Amino acid sequence: MSIAATQTGSFRRRLGDPVFANLTRAAGLLILAALAGVAVFLTVQGVPALGAGRDVLGGHATFVGYVWPLVFGTLVAAMIALVVAVPLAIGVALSVSHFAPRRIAVLIGYLVDLLAAVPSVVYGLWGIGFLGPRLVPAYEWLGAHASWLPLFAGPVSTTGRTILTAALVLVVMVLPIITAIAREVFAQTPRLTEEAALALGATRWEMIRMVVLPHGRSGLVSAAMLGLGRALGETMAVAMVLSASGVVTFHLVSSTNPSTIAANIALTFADATGLQVNALIATGLVLFVITFVVNFAARTLVARSAPGAAR
């Protein structure tokens, strides 16, 4: 190889490094600019609604009184979905990565990933037409035998369109996200470490409990927070399934249910005018802040639980 060719190749490599570095910086700055633009738009458009009257805020005297039931419903539905989905996703991910035969594991992985491709409106139709009506007998049993718990106090819904049904629909929707990340995290566990635990006499479950789960702890936190973010912002499925009354209640099987911020915006934005639009945008700003806080907390937990983090 000639000296000129060597110098040309070296020049190209030197030129490629700063070009790639600048492109990645530009991509990062673009994301920050888009996020800042959304925040500025929501703030500018939402602030005028903070001092609106009862006619704009649906009969509520203050904006806090208007948005609090929506925040409550959003958090309740998302937290129920997370509590149910995370253990289920961990079980599916472990079965795919450590227990199921290769062919069955691949099939299960494809089926779980396929759930992420289903549109939200399809989940909404499934929740209304299939899941809700079939949950009514279970709700009636809970109302008859567990009504002493505020969660299952009546009157029980006769249609199944409750906050619990909406949360169960969200479980199916966030399950692919959490499962896919958990599966990849578990698969990255060092094989030699697993074999060493088994060689020392640990059972399969003890090996998973002492090696696999601790190794994937930070990844599981990230997966759970991503699923929570999806549940917080889900719109159409919740709007279709939930029979909302705009109240604050802990009754999960009752016909009186709180609404969510995203569902309320989707259902009322088309008919809103004037300050009503600003009020809806202000609720969107509240959801934006909640999502930001959730992701910030997730990053903090991941940083603290990462290997080598300071104790």
Protein backbone atom coordinates (compact mmCIF):
# COMPACT_ATOMS: atom_id res chain seq x y z
CA MET A 1 0.00 0.00 0.00
CA SER A 2 1.37 3.40 -0.96
CA ILE A 3 2.02 6.20 1.50
CA ALA A 4 -0.61 8.38 -0.22
CA ALA A 5 -3.29 5.70 0.19
CA THR A 6 -2.39 5.26 3.87
CA GLN A 7 -2.62 8.99 4.47
CA THR A 8 -5.96 9.16 2.65
CA GLY A 9 -7.44 6.35 4.80
CA SER A 10 -6.13 7.98 7.97
CA PHE A 11 -7.63 11.33 6.93
CA ARG A 12 -11.02 9.72 6.32
CA ARG A 13 -10.97 8.08 9.74
CA ARG A 14 -9.99 11.36 11.38
CA LEU A 15 -12.73 13.17 9.45
CA GLY A 16 -15.36 10.55 10.30
CA ASP A 17 -14.89 10.87 14.05
CA PRO A 18 -15.80 14.57 14.40
CA VAL A 19 -18.60 14.26 11.83
CA PHE A 20 -20.19 11.38 13.73
CA ALA A 21 -19.67 13.12 17.08
CA ASN A 22 -21.33 16.31 15.81
CA LEU A 23 -24.26 14.37 14.35
CA THR A 24 -24.89 12.62 17.64
CA ARG A 25 -24.70 15.92 19.52
CA ALA A 26 -27.13 17.46 17.06
CA ALA A 27 -29.53 14.56 17.55
CA GLY A 28 -29.38 14.97 21.31
CA LEU A 29 -29.91 18.73 21.08
CA LEU A 30 -32.83 18.17 18.71
CA ILE A 31 -34.55 15.96 21.28
CA LEU A 32 -33.97 18.56 23.99
CA ALA A 33 -35.30 21.32 21.71
CA ALA A 34 -38.44 19.33 20.91
CA LEU A 35 -39.01 18.61 24.61
CA ALA A 36 -38.50 22.28 25.49
CA GLY A 37 -40.86 23.31 22.69
CA VAL A 38 -43.61 21.02 24.02
CA ALA A 39 -43.10 22.34 27.54
CA VAL A 40 -43.22 25.98 26.41
CA PHE A 41 -46.35 25.42 24.31
CA LEU A 42 -48.20 23.64 27.13
CA THR A 43 -47.18 26.32 29.62
CA VAL A 44 -48.11 29.30 27.45
CA GLN A 45 -51.42 27.83 26.36
CA GLY A 46 -52.30 26.36 29.75
CA VAL A 47 -51.58 29.30 32.07
CA PRO A 48 -54.68 31.33 31.04
CA ALA A 49 -56.91 28.52 32.33
CA LEU A 50 -55.50 28.64 35.85
CA GLY A 51 -57.79 31.52 36.76
CA ALA A 52 -60.85 30.38 34.79
CA GLY A 53 -64.34 30.23 36.30
CA ARG A 54 -66.77 27.43 37.00
CA ASP A 55 -68.30 27.55 33.52
CA VAL A 56 -64.92 26.65 32.01
CA LEU A 57 -63.79 24.16 34.66
CA GLY A 58 -66.90 22.00 34.65
CA GLY A 59 -68.41 23.49 37.79
CA HIS A 60 -65.21 23.43 39.84
CA ALA A 61 -64.19 26.60 41.64
CA THR A 62 -60.46 26.22 40.95
CA PHE A 63 -58.26 24.51 38.41
CA VAL A 64 -56.87 22.25 41.14
CA GLY A 65 -60.37 21.01 41.89
CA TYR A 66 -60.87 20.36 38.18
CA VAL A 67 -57.63 18.50 37.52
CA TRP A 68 -57.31 16.54 40.78
CA PRO A 69 -59.93 13.85 39.93
CA LEU A 70 -58.23 13.40 36.55
CA VAL A 71 -54.79 13.04 38.16
CA PHE A 72 -56.24 10.59 40.67
CA GLY A 73 -57.80 8.41 37.98
CA THR A 74 -54.63 8.51 35.87
CA LEU A 75 -52.45 7.40 38.77
CA VAL A 76 -54.86 4.71 40.00
CA ALA A 77 -55.25 3.09 36.58
CA ALA A 78 -51.52 3.25 35.86
CA MET A 79 -50.46 1.89 39.25
CA ILE A 80 -52.91 -1.02 39.11
CA ALA A 81 -51.63 -1.86 35.64
CA LEU A 82 -48.04 -1.70 36.84
CA VAL A 83 -48.66 -3.86 39.92
CA VAL A 84 -50.24 -6.58 37.78
CA ALA A 85 -48.02 -6.30 34.70
CA VAL A 86 -44.55 -6.29 36.29
CA PRO A 87 -44.73 -9.72 38.01
CA LEU A 88 -46.43 -11.20 34.95
CA ALA A 89 -43.80 -9.72 32.63
CA ILE A 90 -40.95 -11.00 34.82
CA GLY A 91 -42.46 -14.49 34.78
CA VAL A 92 -42.86 -14.47 31.00
CA ALA A 93 -39.34 -13.10 30.51
CA LEU A 94 -37.82 -15.75 32.79
CA SER A 95 -39.72 -18.52 31.05
CA VAL A 96 -38.42 -17.32 27.68
CA SER A 97 -34.82 -16.80 28.80
CA HIS A 98 -34.27 -19.68 31.26
CA PHE A 99 -37.04 -22.26 31.35
CA ALA A 100 -38.90 -22.84 28.07
CA PRO A 101 -37.37 -24.95 25.29
CA ARG A 102 -35.82 -22.91 22.51
CA ARG A 103 -38.63 -23.35 19.98
CA ILE A 104 -41.35 -22.55 22.50
CA ALA A 105 -39.39 -19.59 23.88
CA VAL A 106 -39.05 -18.09 20.40
CA LEU A 107 -42.78 -18.55 19.78
CA ILE A 108 -43.70 -16.94 23.11
CA GLY A 109 -41.34 -14.05 22.38
CA TYR A 110 -42.94 -13.45 18.98
CA LEU A 111 -46.45 -13.55 20.45
CA VAL A 112 -45.59 -11.11 23.23
CA ASP A 113 -43.91 -8.73 20.79
CA LEU A 114 -46.97 -8.96 18.55
CA LEU A 115 -49.09 -7.45 21.32
CA ALA A 116 -47.15 -4.19 20.92
CA ALA A 117 -48.27 -3.91 17.30
CA VAL A 118 -52.00 -4.00 18.11
CA PRO A 119 -53.59 -0.49 17.88
CA SER A 120 -55.05 1.06 21.02
CA VAL A 121 -58.53 1.22 19.53
CA VAL A 122 -58.49 -2.56 19.08
CA TYR A 123 -57.70 -2.99 22.76
CA GLY A 124 -60.54 -0.62 23.55
CA LEU A 125 -63.00 -2.66 21.49
CA TRP A 126 -61.73 -5.84 23.14
CA GLY A 127 -62.20 -4.30 26.58
CA ILE A 128 -65.78 -3.20 25.82
CA GLY A 129 -66.98 -6.22 23.90
CA PHE A 130 -65.13 -9.10 25.53
CA LEU A 131 -63.27 -8.39 28.75
CA GLY A 132 -65.73 -6.07 30.49
CA PRO A 133 -68.87 -8.24 30.19
CA ARG A 134 -66.98 -11.36 31.28
CA LEU A 135 -65.67 -9.62 34.38
CA VAL A 136 -69.17 -8.70 35.58
CA PRO A 137 -69.74 -12.04 37.43
CA ALA A 138 -66.40 -11.61 39.22
CA TYR A 139 -67.32 -8.02 40.13
CA GLU A 140 -70.69 -9.17 41.47
CA TRP A 141 -68.99 -11.83 43.58
CA LEU A 142 -66.56 -9.26 44.97
CA GLY A 143 -69.44 -6.89 45.68
CA ALA A 144 -71.33 -9.62 47.52
CA HIS A 145 -68.45 -11.13 49.53
CA ALA A 146 -65.78 -8.42 49.77
CA SER A 147 -67.81 -5.22 49.89
CA TRP A 148 -66.42 -4.54 53.37
CA LEU A 149 -63.29 -3.43 51.52
CA PRO A 150 -63.69 0.06 50.03
CA LEU A 151 -62.05 -1.16 46.83
CA PHE A 152 -64.94 -3.53 46.09
CA ALA A 153 -67.86 -1.57 47.48
CA GLY A 154 -70.88 -1.14 45.22
CA PRO A 155 -72.99 -0.44 43.45
CA VAL A 156 -71.33 -2.96 41.14
CA SER A 157 -71.21 -2.06 37.45
CA THR A 158 -73.52 -4.13 35.25
CA THR A 159 -71.49 -3.44 32.10
CA GLY A 160 -67.96 -4.09 33.37
CA ARG A 161 -66.80 -0.62 32.31
CA THR A 162 -64.88 0.17 35.48
CA ILE A 163 -61.50 1.58 36.42
CA LEU A 164 -60.35 -1.98 37.16
CA THR A 165 -61.29 -3.14 33.66
CA ALA A 166 -59.44 -0.18 32.15
CA ALA A 167 -56.39 -1.05 34.26
CA LEU A 168 -56.49 -4.68 33.11
CA VAL A 169 -56.60 -3.51 29.49
CA LEU A 170 -53.55 -1.38 30.25
CA VAL A 171 -51.84 -4.48 31.65
CA VAL A 172 -52.06 -6.16 28.24
CA MET A 173 -50.84 -2.99 26.54
CA VAL A 174 -47.75 -2.43 28.72
CA LEU A 175 -46.87 -6.12 29.01
CA PRO A 176 -44.87 -6.29 25.71
CA ILE A 177 -42.68 -3.32 26.69
CA ILE A 178 -41.78 -4.63 30.13
CA THR A 179 -41.38 -8.23 28.95
CA ALA A 180 -39.13 -7.36 26.02
CA ILE A 181 -36.72 -5.32 28.14
CA ALA A 182 -36.75 -7.82 31.01
CA ARG A 183 -36.08 -10.68 28.59
CA GLU A 184 -33.02 -8.94 27.12
CA VAL A 185 -31.74 -7.99 30.57
CA PHE A 186 -32.03 -11.55 31.87
CA ALA A 187 -30.32 -12.88 28.75
CA GLN A 188 -27.28 -10.65 29.50
CA THR A 189 -26.59 -12.39 32.82
CA PRO A 190 -23.07 -13.89 32.63
CA ARG A 191 -23.40 -17.58 31.87
CA LEU A 192 -20.36 -18.48 33.95
CA THR A 193 -21.92 -16.84 37.01
CA GLU A 194 -25.12 -18.84 36.57
CA GLU A 195 -23.18 -22.08 36.15
CA ALA A 196 -21.05 -21.28 39.19
CA ALA A 197 -24.18 -20.83 41.33
CA LEU A 198 -25.57 -24.15 40.11
CA ALA A 199 -22.23 -25.87 40.68
CA LEU A 200 -22.23 -24.68 44.29
CA GLY A 201 -25.52 -26.49 44.87
CA ALA A 202 -28.09 -23.79 44.18
CA THR A 203 -31.39 -24.84 42.66
CA ARG A 204 -32.67 -23.22 39.47
CA TRP A 205 -34.90 -20.85 41.46
CA GLU A 206 -32.10 -19.98 43.91
CA MET A 207 -29.79 -19.24 41.00
CA ILE A 208 -32.38 -16.91 39.47
CA ARG A 209 -33.09 -15.24 42.81
CA MET A 210 -29.43 -14.73 43.75
CA VAL A 211 -27.87 -14.13 40.32
CA VAL A 212 -30.30 -13.28 37.52
CA LEU A 213 -32.67 -10.94 39.33
CA PRO A 214 -29.96 -8.87 41.10
CA HIS A 215 -28.01 -8.59 37.84
CA GLY A 216 -31.09 -7.27 36.01
CA ARG A 217 -32.38 -5.01 38.76
CA SER A 218 -31.59 -1.72 37.05
CA GLY A 219 -33.01 -2.98 33.76
CA LEU A 220 -36.22 -4.08 35.49
CA VAL A 221 -36.63 -0.62 37.00
CA SER A 222 -36.23 0.94 33.57
CA ALA A 223 -38.70 -1.51 32.06
CA ALA A 224 -41.27 -0.83 34.77
CA MET A 225 -40.94 2.92 34.35
CA LEU A 226 -41.32 2.70 30.59
CA GLY A 227 -44.45 0.64 31.10
CA LEU A 228 -45.72 3.16 33.63
CA GLY A 229 -45.14 5.98 31.15
CA ARG A 230 -47.17 4.10 28.53
CA ALA A 231 -49.97 3.51 31.02
CA LEU A 232 -50.03 7.15 32.13
CA GLY A 233 -50.38 8.47 28.59
CA GLU A 234 -52.72 5.88 27.09
CA THR A 235 -55.79 7.54 25.59
CA MET A 236 -58.14 5.67 23.28
CA ALA A 237 -58.36 2.32 25.03
CA VAL A 238 -59.09 3.94 28.40
CA ALA A 239 -61.53 6.42 26.89
CA MET A 240 -63.47 3.59 25.23
CA VAL A 241 -63.50 1.20 28.18
CA LEU A 242 -63.97 3.54 31.11
CA SER A 243 -67.40 4.83 32.06
CA ALA A 244 -66.06 7.94 33.77
CA SER A 245 -67.92 10.23 36.15
CA GLY A 246 -65.11 12.61 37.03
CA VAL A 247 -65.05 11.80 40.74
CA VAL A 248 -62.44 10.71 43.25
CA THR A 249 -63.26 7.22 44.49
CA PHE A 250 -61.38 4.09 45.47
CA HIS A 251 -64.22 1.80 44.33
CA LEU A 252 -62.69 -0.34 41.61
CA VAL A 253 -65.82 -2.25 40.51
CA SER A 254 -68.41 0.48 40.84
CA SER A 255 -70.30 2.14 38.02
CA THR A 256 -68.96 5.48 39.32
CA ASN A 257 -65.37 5.89 38.12
CA PRO A 258 -62.73 8.59 37.93
CA SER A 259 -61.47 9.62 34.52
CA THR A 260 -57.90 10.03 33.32
CA ILE A 261 -56.21 13.10 31.91
CA ALA A 262 -55.55 11.61 28.49
CA ALA A 263 -59.04 10.13 28.15
CA ASN A 264 -60.68 13.38 29.26
CA ILE A 265 -58.74 15.34 26.64
CA ALA A 266 -59.65 12.87 23.91
CA LEU A 267 -63.35 12.87 24.79
CA THR A 268 -63.89 16.61 25.30
CA PHE A 269 -61.37 18.40 23.08
CA ALA A 270 -63.54 18.32 19.95
CA ASP A 271 -66.36 20.27 21.64
CA ALA A 272 -64.15 22.64 23.65
CA THR A 273 -63.93 26.34 22.79
CA GLY A 274 -62.09 29.33 24.17
CA LEU A 275 -60.71 28.88 27.66
CA GLN A 276 -61.99 25.31 27.71
CA VAL A 277 -59.25 24.43 25.22
CA ASN A 278 -56.72 26.16 27.47
CA ALA A 279 -58.00 24.16 30.44
CA LEU A 280 -57.49 20.90 28.56
CA ILE A 281 -54.00 21.97 27.51
CA ALA A 282 -53.27 22.81 31.15
CA THR A 283 -54.26 19.27 32.15
CA GLY A 284 -51.90 18.06 29.45
CA LEU A 285 -49.17 20.12 31.11
CA VAL A 286 -49.93 18.37 34.41
CA LEU A 287 -49.60 14.99 32.69
CA PHE A 288 -46.34 16.16 31.11
CA VAL A 289 -44.96 17.08 34.54
CA ILE A 290 -46.08 13.75 36.03
CA THR A 291 -44.40 11.83 33.23
CA PHE A 292 -41.23 13.89 33.61
CA VAL A 293 -41.13 13.25 37.37
CA VAL A 294 -41.68 9.52 36.83
CA ASN A 295 -38.85 9.29 34.30
CA PHE A 296 -36.53 11.39 36.47
CA ALA A 297 -37.23 9.12 39.44
CA ALA A 298 -36.61 6.08 37.24
CA ARG A 299 -33.23 7.39 36.12
CA THR A 300 -32.29 8.05 39.75
CA LEU A 301 -33.26 4.52 40.78
CA VAL A 302 -31.39 3.01 37.85
CA ALA A 303 -28.27 5.01 38.68
CA ARG A 304 -28.39 3.92 42.32
CA SER A 305 -29.00 0.26 41.53
CA ALA A 306 -26.44 -0.01 38.74
CA PRO A 307 -23.40 -2.20 39.38
CA GLY A 308 -20.58 -0.19 40.93
CA ALA A 309 -22.86 2.59 42.17
CA ALA A 310 -21.75 4.25 45.37
CA ARG A 311 -23.49 2.98 48.50
